[in-house]
Amino acid sequence: MDSDSQSCKAEMNRREFHRSLTVSTLAAAFTAASARRIMGANERLQVGIIGCGGRAGAHIHNLLAIKENDKILEIVAVCDTYRPRLQRAAKATGAAFTTMRHEELVAQKEVDVVLVATPDHWHGFHTLDAMRAGKDVYCEKPLSHWRQLNLPVQLVKTAKETKRIIQVGCQRMSCSAYQQARKLIADGAIGKPILAETGYYRIGDWGERGMPIDDPNAKPGPDLDWERFQGDSPKRDFDVSRYFRWRMYWDYSGGPGTDNYVHFYTPLSYMLNLGYPDTVTASGGKYRYEEREVPDTFNLIVDYPDKFVVICTGTQGNDYQSQGSGDNPIIRGWDATLTLEGNDIVIRPTGGSTKKEQRIPITSDTSELVFWREFLECCRTRQQPKSDIQLGSVVATTLQMAITAMREKRVMKFDQISQKVIG
């Protein structure tokens, strides 16, 4: 590791330590002041939103549709470090409470549920603070930033201690295919699973087209809190591209590894009931788009304790996907192979088998509205959602290990006993 990397890590660790003390102190006050009120069967859940950028806009659209049609929620508070976005969100939602500091939002006793839709490096900390304040949380993926190793495991522990309901934002989990496939695999339809292949292929540089700059002349001040935006990341001078196009930079994003790959790795982990991996290796780099720090091409191999391996390949430089490839997985077992093709789950017996191919219709497709409604119902019933904190932690940890393995050109290991990444 070079000296610049070592100094960045040392600074990050120092600031994380001091920040953890602050968060713990605030959390104690929040928890005492924000004991969750008992919800009536017909009472609306009151939602607070942290982060009002592009992804939040899609969530707001869905939440307003649910509010209009189902009458089961109210958006009461919004938070963002950029005042123009904050004001737009307040106008769109009718939220009465606005703030540029998330601590003030989670301290609101009226808020029952928090949506975290901030840049990646804030996801885990915002979720942690919300849980400690007695709120249920919908956290956009990934659960935490790639450099925050072991934070996902801590988040699982905190969710259990606080008895909070957490849903991680992988809306594909609303599709019935994964529940159906999980049961088929558990019932022995493919025999002992041995290998899964999956990937993600698209064209997109995340530059001006992918993440437009709201205001090229924006500067830090009362309407833009650059210091707060940076959070636990290394200190930088203000850069308008870093602020608005944060997915292009290692400080705030993991590139496709934690932005795109969560979409296919979450269902794959769910179908196979995967836990934390034993070892992860990865490779990749910038093979097409230079105006960025994060890779556009990323590949990983993940080995699990029960003699199972996952191979993922992907690029943002080409979007071709052949039949049965791409982010639809190929799951190979001793007796058969399971794939998702069109509207069917397909099971093909291995060579020499006398069994016939099976095609099982997928009963329902992906729906963000359904995903939100199911989460809100879980907040009422206290049942765990499909894309819960444990699943989110397993996926986030795996991809964190992969990114670190690529950056440092080494094999990353997870200790199953201590439940920690050990390098």
Protein backbone atom coordinates (compact mmCIF):
# COMPACT_ATOMS: atom_id res chain seq x y z
CA MET A 1 0.00 0.00 0.00
CA ASP A 2 1.42 3.43 -0.90
CA SER A 3 1.96 6.21 1.66
CA ASP A 4 -0.96 8.28 0.32
CA SER A 5 -3.32 5.34 0.83
CA GLN A 6 -1.99 4.76 4.34
CA SER A 7 -2.43 8.41 5.33
CA CYS A 8 -5.95 8.47 3.90
CA LYS A 9 -6.87 5.37 5.88
CA ALA A 10 -5.36 6.79 9.07
CA GLU A 11 -7.28 10.04 8.68
CA MET A 12 -10.48 8.15 7.89
CA ASN A 13 -10.12 5.92 10.95
CA ARG A 14 -9.44 8.89 13.25
CA ARG A 15 -12.48 10.76 12.03
CA GLU A 16 -14.68 7.66 12.16
CA PHE A 17 -13.69 7.15 15.80
CA HIS A 18 -14.58 10.70 16.82
CA ARG A 19 -17.74 10.57 14.78
CA SER A 20 -18.82 7.30 16.45
CA LEU A 21 -18.58 9.01 19.85
CA THR A 22 -20.78 11.83 18.60
CA VAL A 23 -23.30 9.44 17.06
CA SER A 24 -23.49 7.35 20.23
CA THR A 25 -24.14 10.42 22.37
CA LEU A 26 -26.79 11.75 20.02
CA ALA A 27 -28.34 8.31 19.63
CA ALA A 28 -28.93 7.95 23.36
CA ALA A 29 -30.81 11.23 23.39
CA PHE A 30 -32.76 10.32 20.24
CA THR A 31 -33.80 6.94 21.60
CA ALA A 32 -35.06 8.42 24.85
CA ALA A 33 -36.96 11.18 23.08
CA SER A 34 -38.25 9.13 20.16
CA ALA A 35 -39.83 6.01 21.62
CA ARG A 36 -41.97 4.54 18.88
CA ARG A 37 -45.63 5.27 19.31
CA ILE A 38 -48.07 2.37 19.07
CA MET A 39 -49.62 2.27 15.61
CA GLY A 40 -53.31 1.77 15.14
CA ALA A 41 -54.48 -0.60 12.40
CA ASN A 42 -55.74 2.24 10.22
CA GLU A 43 -53.22 4.89 11.26
CA ARG A 44 -50.91 6.32 8.62
CA LEU A 45 -47.19 5.70 8.83
CA GLN A 46 -45.27 8.96 8.78
CA VAL A 47 -42.20 8.97 6.53
CA GLY A 48 -39.04 11.09 6.68
CA ILE A 49 -36.66 11.23 3.71
CA ILE A 50 -32.89 11.70 4.03
CA GLY A 51 -31.39 12.56 0.64
CA CYS A 52 -33.56 14.18 -2.03
CA GLY A 53 -31.59 13.55 -5.25
CA GLY A 54 -32.48 11.53 -8.33
CA ARG A 55 -33.11 8.17 -6.66
CA ALA A 56 -35.23 9.81 -3.98
CA GLY A 57 -37.31 11.36 -6.75
CA ALA A 58 -38.34 7.89 -7.92
CA HIS A 59 -39.19 6.89 -4.36
CA ILE A 60 -41.22 10.05 -3.82
CA HIS A 61 -43.22 9.28 -6.97
CA ASN A 62 -44.07 5.83 -5.60
CA LEU A 63 -44.79 7.07 -2.09
CA LEU A 64 -47.17 9.72 -3.38
CA ALA A 65 -48.96 7.07 -5.45
CA ILE A 66 -49.37 4.91 -2.33
CA LYS A 67 -50.51 7.92 -0.34
CA GLU A 68 -53.13 8.74 -2.97
CA ASN A 69 -54.39 5.20 -3.56
CA ASP A 70 -53.89 3.37 -0.27
CA LYS A 71 -54.02 6.23 2.28
CA ILE A 72 -51.47 4.42 4.47
CA LEU A 73 -48.66 6.97 4.70
CA GLU A 74 -47.78 10.63 4.96
CA ILE A 75 -44.43 12.24 4.07
CA VAL A 76 -43.76 14.59 6.96
CA ALA A 77 -40.04 15.45 6.83
CA VAL A 78 -37.25 15.83 4.26
CA CYS A 79 -33.49 16.35 4.56
CA ASP A 80 -30.71 17.18 2.10
CA THR A 81 -27.33 18.92 2.16
CA TYR A 82 -28.30 21.01 -0.92
CA ARG A 83 -31.06 23.51 -0.17
CA PRO A 84 -32.55 23.77 -3.71
CA ARG A 85 -33.12 19.99 -3.73
CA LEU A 86 -34.52 20.18 -0.21
CA GLN A 87 -36.98 22.87 -1.22
CA ARG A 88 -38.08 20.95 -4.33
CA ALA A 89 -38.69 17.82 -2.24
CA ALA A 90 -40.66 19.76 0.36
CA LYS A 91 -42.85 21.25 -2.36
CA ALA A 92 -43.39 17.89 -4.07
CA THR A 93 -44.24 16.01 -0.86
CA GLY A 94 -45.89 18.66 1.25
CA ALA A 95 -43.50 17.81 4.11
CA ALA A 96 -43.77 20.38 6.89
CA PHE A 97 -40.37 19.72 8.42
CA THR A 98 -37.18 20.45 6.44
CA THR A 99 -33.55 20.30 7.55
CA MET A 100 -30.03 19.98 6.19
CA ARG A 101 -28.97 17.85 9.18
CA HIS A 102 -30.18 14.27 9.35
CA GLU A 103 -29.90 14.16 13.17
CA GLU A 104 -32.73 16.68 13.36
CA LEU A 105 -34.95 14.57 11.11
CA VAL A 106 -34.50 11.28 12.99
CA ALA A 107 -35.11 13.12 16.27
CA GLN A 108 -38.64 14.03 15.14
CA LYS A 109 -41.03 11.93 17.23
CA GLU A 110 -43.66 12.15 14.47
CA VAL A 111 -41.44 10.19 12.03
CA ASP A 112 -42.08 6.42 12.03
CA VAL A 113 -40.15 5.37 8.94
CA VAL A 114 -37.00 6.81 7.37
CA LEU A 115 -36.00 6.51 3.72
CA VAL A 116 -32.22 6.77 3.27
CA ALA A 117 -31.42 7.81 -0.31
CA THR A 118 -28.08 9.58 0.17
CA PRO A 119 -24.68 8.83 -1.45
CA ASP A 120 -23.29 5.39 -0.57
CA HIS A 121 -20.81 6.51 2.08
CA TRP A 122 -23.67 7.84 4.25
CA HIS A 123 -26.09 4.88 3.96
CA GLY A 124 -24.81 2.89 6.93
CA PHE A 125 -24.44 5.88 9.28
CA HIS A 126 -27.87 7.30 8.45
CA THR A 127 -29.43 3.86 8.96
CA LEU A 128 -27.56 3.41 12.24
CA ASP A 129 -28.72 6.79 13.58
CA ALA A 130 -32.31 6.18 12.47
CA MET A 131 -32.43 2.76 14.15
CA ARG A 132 -31.03 4.15 17.38
CA ALA A 133 -33.71 6.84 17.23
CA GLY A 134 -36.41 4.16 17.10
CA LYS A 135 -37.23 4.37 13.38
CA ASP A 136 -37.75 1.65 10.80
CA VAL A 137 -35.64 2.20 7.68
CA TYR A 138 -35.78 1.71 3.93
CA CYS A 139 -32.09 2.03 3.01
CA GLU A 140 -31.09 2.38 -0.61
CA LYS A 141 -28.45 -0.09 -1.73
CA PRO A 142 -25.66 -0.67 -0.95
CA LEU A 143 -26.07 -0.98 2.81
CA SER A 144 -22.71 0.75 3.31
CA HIS A 145 -19.68 2.07 1.42
CA TRP A 146 -16.95 -0.34 0.25
CA ARG A 147 -14.30 0.98 2.67
CA GLN A 148 -16.58 0.63 5.73
CA LEU A 149 -15.62 -3.00 6.28
CA ASN A 150 -17.57 -4.69 9.09
CA LEU A 151 -20.13 -1.87 9.32
CA PRO A 152 -22.78 -4.14 7.66
CA VAL A 153 -22.32 -6.72 10.43
CA GLN A 154 -22.62 -3.95 13.04
CA LEU A 155 -25.85 -2.78 11.41
CA VAL A 156 -27.35 -6.28 11.74
CA LYS A 157 -26.44 -6.32 15.43
CA THR A 158 -27.98 -2.87 15.99
CA ALA A 159 -31.18 -3.84 14.16
CA LYS A 160 -31.58 -6.81 16.50
CA GLU A 161 -30.84 -4.72 19.59
CA THR A 162 -33.27 -1.95 18.61
CA LYS A 163 -35.85 -4.31 17.08
CA ARG A 164 -36.08 -2.18 13.96
CA ILE A 165 -37.37 -3.30 10.57
CA ILE A 166 -34.86 -2.58 7.79
CA GLN A 167 -35.39 -3.08 4.07
CA VAL A 168 -32.45 -2.68 1.67
CA GLY A 169 -33.38 -1.17 -1.67
CA CYS A 170 -33.21 -4.04 -4.17
CA GLN A 171 -36.66 -3.80 -5.73
CA ARG A 172 -36.12 -6.97 -7.77
CA MET A 173 -36.86 -8.84 -4.59
CA SER A 174 -40.54 -8.01 -5.17
CA CYS A 175 -40.51 -10.47 -8.11
CA SER A 176 -41.87 -13.91 -7.18
CA ALA A 177 -39.20 -15.71 -9.25
CA TYR A 178 -36.71 -15.60 -6.42
CA GLN A 179 -39.07 -16.94 -3.78
CA GLN A 180 -40.14 -19.71 -6.17
CA ALA A 181 -36.54 -20.59 -7.07
CA ARG A 182 -35.47 -20.54 -3.41
CA LYS A 183 -38.09 -23.18 -2.58
CA LEU A 184 -37.19 -25.31 -5.61
CA ILE A 185 -33.51 -25.29 -4.66
CA ALA A 186 -34.28 -26.01 -0.99
CA ASP A 187 -36.51 -28.91 -2.08
CA GLY A 188 -33.62 -30.46 -4.06
CA ALA A 189 -34.69 -29.61 -7.62
CA ILE A 190 -31.06 -29.22 -8.77
CA GLY A 191 -29.32 -31.35 -6.15
CA LYS A 192 -26.37 -29.92 -4.24
CA PRO A 193 -25.59 -26.43 -5.64
CA ILE A 194 -21.99 -26.14 -6.79
CA LEU A 195 -21.59 -23.08 -9.03
CA ALA A 196 -23.51 -19.94 -10.00
CA GLU A 197 -22.70 -17.56 -12.87
CA THR A 198 -24.15 -14.10 -13.26
CA GLY A 199 -23.20 -10.64 -14.47
CA TYR A 200 -24.25 -7.12 -15.39
CA TYR A 201 -23.79 -5.52 -18.82
CA ARG A 202 -24.75 -2.02 -19.82
CA ILE A 203 -23.46 1.11 -21.52
CA GLY A 204 -23.10 4.18 -19.34
CA ASP A 205 -20.28 6.45 -18.26
CA TRP A 206 -21.97 8.09 -15.24
CA GLY A 207 -20.77 11.39 -16.63
CA GLU A 208 -22.93 14.36 -17.53
CA ARG A 209 -25.59 12.14 -19.11
CA GLY A 210 -25.84 9.80 -16.15
CA MET A 211 -25.57 12.26 -13.26
CA PRO A 212 -26.28 15.82 -14.40
CA ILE A 213 -24.82 18.72 -12.44
CA ASP A 214 -27.72 20.70 -10.96
CA ASP A 215 -25.79 23.97 -10.92
CA PRO A 216 -22.25 24.30 -12.39
CA ASN A 217 -21.77 27.45 -10.27
CA ALA A 218 -22.80 25.88 -6.97
CA LYS A 219 -20.43 26.50 -4.06
CA PRO A 220 -20.24 25.56 -0.37
CA GLY A 221 -22.18 27.85 1.93
CA PRO A 222 -25.55 28.10 3.64
CA ASP A 223 -27.23 26.35 0.68
CA LEU A 224 -24.67 23.56 0.17
CA ASP A 225 -23.05 21.76 3.11
CA TRP A 226 -19.87 20.32 1.57
CA GLU A 227 -18.36 19.40 4.93
CA ARG A 228 -21.37 17.30 5.88
CA PHE A 229 -21.57 15.71 2.43
CA GLN A 230 -18.00 14.40 2.80
CA GLY A 231 -18.82 12.57 6.03
CA ASP A 232 -16.16 9.97 6.84
CA SER A 233 -14.47 10.20 3.42
CA PRO A 234 -11.03 11.80 2.99
CA LYS A 235 -11.13 15.61 3.13
CA ARG A 236 -11.15 17.26 -0.30
CA ASP A 237 -11.49 20.78 -1.62
CA PHE A 238 -14.95 21.39 -3.04
CA ASP A 239 -15.51 20.08 -6.56
CA VAL A 240 -18.87 20.51 -8.25
CA SER A 241 -18.47 17.20 -10.09
CA ARG A 242 -17.67 15.31 -6.89
CA TYR A 243 -20.76 16.70 -5.24
CA PHE A 244 -23.29 16.09 -8.02
CA ARG A 245 -21.65 13.15 -9.82
CA TRP A 246 -20.43 11.32 -6.73
CA ARG A 247 -20.85 7.84 -8.29
CA MET A 248 -17.71 8.49 -10.34
CA TYR A 249 -15.44 8.74 -7.29
CA TRP A 250 -14.00 6.14 -4.89
CA ASP A 251 -14.56 8.40 -1.87
CA TYR A 252 -18.33 8.12 -2.15
CA SER A 253 -19.04 5.10 -4.37
CA GLY A 254 -17.85 1.60 -5.21
CA GLY A 255 -18.61 1.95 -8.91
CA PRO A 256 -20.61 -0.82 -10.59
CA GLY A 257 -19.55 -3.27 -7.87
CA THR A 258 -21.84 -1.70 -5.28
CA ASP A 259 -24.18 0.27 -7.54
CA ASN A 260 -25.21 -2.27 -10.19
CA TYR A 261 -24.11 -5.63 -8.83
CA VAL A 262 -26.32 -5.43 -5.74
CA HIS A 263 -29.28 -5.87 -8.09
CA PHE A 264 -28.28 -9.38 -9.14
CA TYR A 265 -26.27 -10.51 -6.13
CA THR A 266 -29.12 -9.89 -3.68
CA PRO A 267 -31.60 -12.26 -5.40
CA LEU A 268 -28.81 -14.79 -5.97
CA SER A 269 -27.89 -14.76 -2.27
CA TYR A 270 -31.55 -15.07 -1.36
CA MET A 271 -32.28 -18.00 -3.71
CA LEU A 272 -29.31 -19.98 -2.41
CA ASN A 273 -29.58 -18.77 1.20
CA LEU A 274 -25.91 -17.75 1.05
CA GLY A 275 -24.19 -16.48 4.15
CA TYR A 276 -20.93 -14.56 4.35
CA PRO A 277 -18.22 -15.84 1.98
CA ASP A 278 -14.90 -17.43 2.91
CA THR A 279 -12.76 -15.72 0.25
CA VAL A 280 -13.24 -13.15 -2.53
CA THR A 281 -10.97 -12.25 -5.44
CA ALA A 282 -11.65 -9.61 -8.10
CA SER A 283 -10.22 -7.80 -11.12
CA GLY A 284 -11.20 -4.90 -13.32
CA GLY A 285 -10.47 -1.32 -14.24
CA LYS A 286 -11.28 1.61 -16.52
CA TYR A 287 -11.40 -0.01 -19.94
CA ARG A 288 -13.63 2.51 -21.71
CA TYR A 289 -14.49 5.60 -19.65
CA GLU A 290 -11.61 7.71 -18.36
CA GLU A 291 -13.56 10.58 -16.76
CA ARG A 292 -13.99 8.71 -13.49
CA GLU A 293 -12.06 7.01 -10.70
CA VAL A 294 -14.17 3.86 -10.32
CA PRO A 295 -13.90 0.97 -12.80
CA ASP A 296 -16.26 0.42 -15.71
CA THR A 297 -15.40 -3.30 -15.87
CA PHE A 298 -15.45 -5.50 -12.77
CA ASN A 299 -15.24 -9.28 -12.23
CA LEU A 300 -15.24 -11.34 -9.05
CA ILE A 301 -15.03 -14.92 -7.79
CA VAL A 302 -16.58 -15.74 -4.41
CA ASP A 303 -15.98 -18.99 -2.51
CA TYR A 304 -18.34 -20.10 0.27
CA PRO A 305 -17.79 -22.47 3.22
CA ASP A 306 -20.04 -25.26 1.91
CA LYS A 307 -18.08 -25.84 -1.33
CA PHE A 308 -19.99 -23.41 -3.50
CA VAL A 309 -18.64 -20.68 -5.77
CA VAL A 310 -20.12 -17.64 -7.53
CA ILE A 311 -18.56 -16.10 -10.64
CA CYS A 312 -19.66 -12.58 -11.62
CA THR A 313 -18.56 -10.67 -14.69
CA GLY A 314 -19.66 -7.27 -15.90
CA THR A 315 -18.91 -4.11 -17.82
CA GLN A 316 -20.44 -0.74 -18.50
CA GLY A 317 -18.77 -0.70 -21.90
CA ASN A 318 -21.04 -3.20 -23.68
CA ASP A 319 -24.69 -4.10 -23.12
CA TYR A 320 -25.04 -7.39 -25.04
CA GLN A 321 -26.66 -10.20 -23.07
CA SER A 322 -27.04 -13.64 -24.58
CA GLN A 323 -29.92 -15.97 -23.75
CA GLY A 324 -29.57 -17.23 -20.19
CA SER A 325 -26.66 -14.90 -19.41
CA GLY A 326 -26.34 -11.45 -17.93
CA ASP A 327 -27.88 -10.72 -14.56
CA ASN A 328 -30.27 -13.67 -14.89
CA PRO A 329 -28.30 -16.31 -13.00
CA ILE A 330 -27.22 -19.75 -14.08
CA ILE A 331 -27.24 -21.93 -10.95
CA ARG A 332 -25.60 -25.32 -11.39
CA GLY A 333 -26.26 -28.24 -9.07
CA TRP A 334 -25.11 -31.85 -9.06
CA ASP A 335 -28.37 -32.97 -10.69
CA ALA A 336 -29.63 -30.01 -12.74
CA THR A 337 -29.19 -26.36 -13.71
CA LEU A 338 -31.66 -23.59 -12.86
CA THR A 339 -32.02 -20.45 -14.96
CA LEU A 340 -34.58 -17.68 -15.41
CA GLU A 341 -35.68 -17.30 -19.01
CA GLY A 342 -38.44 -14.91 -20.01
CA ASN A 343 -41.44 -15.61 -17.78
CA ASP A 344 -40.23 -19.03 -16.66
CA ILE A 345 -37.92 -20.69 -14.18
CA VAL A 346 -36.19 -23.41 -16.21
CA ILE A 347 -34.63 -26.54 -14.71
CA ARG A 348 -32.48 -28.62 -17.07
CA PRO A 349 -31.19 -32.00 -15.85
CA THR A 350 -27.47 -32.73 -16.14
CA GLY A 351 -26.13 -34.98 -18.90
CA GLY A 352 -27.12 -38.62 -18.60
CA SER A 353 -30.17 -37.89 -16.44
CA THR A 354 -33.49 -39.47 -17.35
CA LYS A 355 -35.43 -36.51 -15.95
CA LYS A 356 -37.15 -34.04 -18.29
CA GLU A 357 -36.72 -30.28 -18.48
CA GLN A 358 -39.12 -28.31 -16.28
CA ARG A 359 -40.57 -24.86 -16.95
CA ILE A 360 -42.27 -23.21 -13.99
CA PRO A 361 -44.17 -19.96 -14.73
CA ILE A 362 -43.08 -16.92 -12.71
CA THR A 363 -46.23 -15.72 -10.98
CA SER A 364 -45.44 -12.00 -10.50
CA ASP A 365 -42.98 -9.46 -11.87
CA THR A 366 -40.88 -6.74 -10.24
CA SER A 367 -42.82 -3.78 -8.83
CA GLU A 368 -41.40 -0.95 -6.76
CA LEU A 369 -44.90 -0.13 -5.55
CA VAL A 370 -45.33 -3.69 -4.28
CA PHE A 371 -41.86 -3.54 -2.73
CA TRP A 372 -42.79 -0.40 -0.79
CA ARG A 373 -46.21 -1.70 0.24
CA GLU A 374 -44.72 -4.94 1.53
CA PHE A 375 -42.14 -3.00 3.54
CA LEU A 376 -44.77 -0.71 5.07
CA GLU A 377 -46.83 -3.76 6.00
CA CYS A 378 -43.76 -5.25 7.69
CA CYS A 379 -43.40 -2.03 9.69
CA ARG A 380 -46.91 -2.65 11.02
CA THR A 381 -46.71 -6.41 11.57
CA ARG A 382 -43.02 -6.47 12.65
CA GLN A 383 -42.35 -9.29 10.17
CA GLN A 384 -39.04 -9.24 8.29
CA PRO A 385 -39.10 -8.14 4.62
CA LYS A 386 -37.53 -10.33 1.91
CA SER A 387 -34.70 -7.84 1.34
CA ASP A 388 -33.93 -7.56 5.04
CA ILE A 389 -30.90 -6.29 6.97
CA GLN A 390 -29.23 -9.73 7.17
CA LEU A 391 -29.43 -10.25 3.40
CA GLY A 392 -28.25 -6.68 2.80
CA SER A 393 -25.31 -7.21 5.13
CA VAL A 394 -24.22 -10.44 3.42
CA VAL A 395 -24.34 -8.80 -0.02
CA ALA A 396 -22.67 -5.55 1.08
CA THR A 397 -19.85 -7.43 2.84
CA THR A 398 -19.23 -9.65 -0.19
CA LEU A 399 -19.01 -6.69 -2.57
CA GLN A 400 -16.90 -4.65 -0.13
CA MET A 401 -14.44 -7.54 -0.05
CA ALA A 402 -14.45 -7.73 -3.86
CA ILE A 403 -13.71 -4.03 -4.32
CA THR A 404 -10.91 -4.14 -1.75
CA ALA A 405 -9.50 -7.27 -3.41
CA MET A 406 -9.41 -5.51 -6.80
CA ARG A 407 -7.92 -2.29 -5.45
CA GLU A 408 -5.24 -4.01 -3.37
CA LYS A 409 -4.68 -7.00 -5.71
CA ARG A 410 -5.09 -9.64 -3.02
CA VAL A 411 -7.47 -12.28 -1.72
CA MET A 412 -9.92 -11.05 0.91
CA LYS A 413 -11.02 -13.39 3.69
CA PHE A 414 -13.95 -13.50 6.11
CA ASP A 415 -13.72 -15.14 9.54
CA GLN A 416 -16.95 -17.09 10.07
CA ILE A 417 -16.40 -17.32 13.84
CA SER A 418 -15.69 -13.65 14.63
CA GLN A 419 -17.97 -12.52 11.79
CA LYS A 420 -15.35 -10.07 10.54
CA VAL A 421 -13.44 -9.33 7.36
CA ILE A 422 -9.84 -10.24 8.18
CA GLY A 423 -8.13 -9.30 4.92
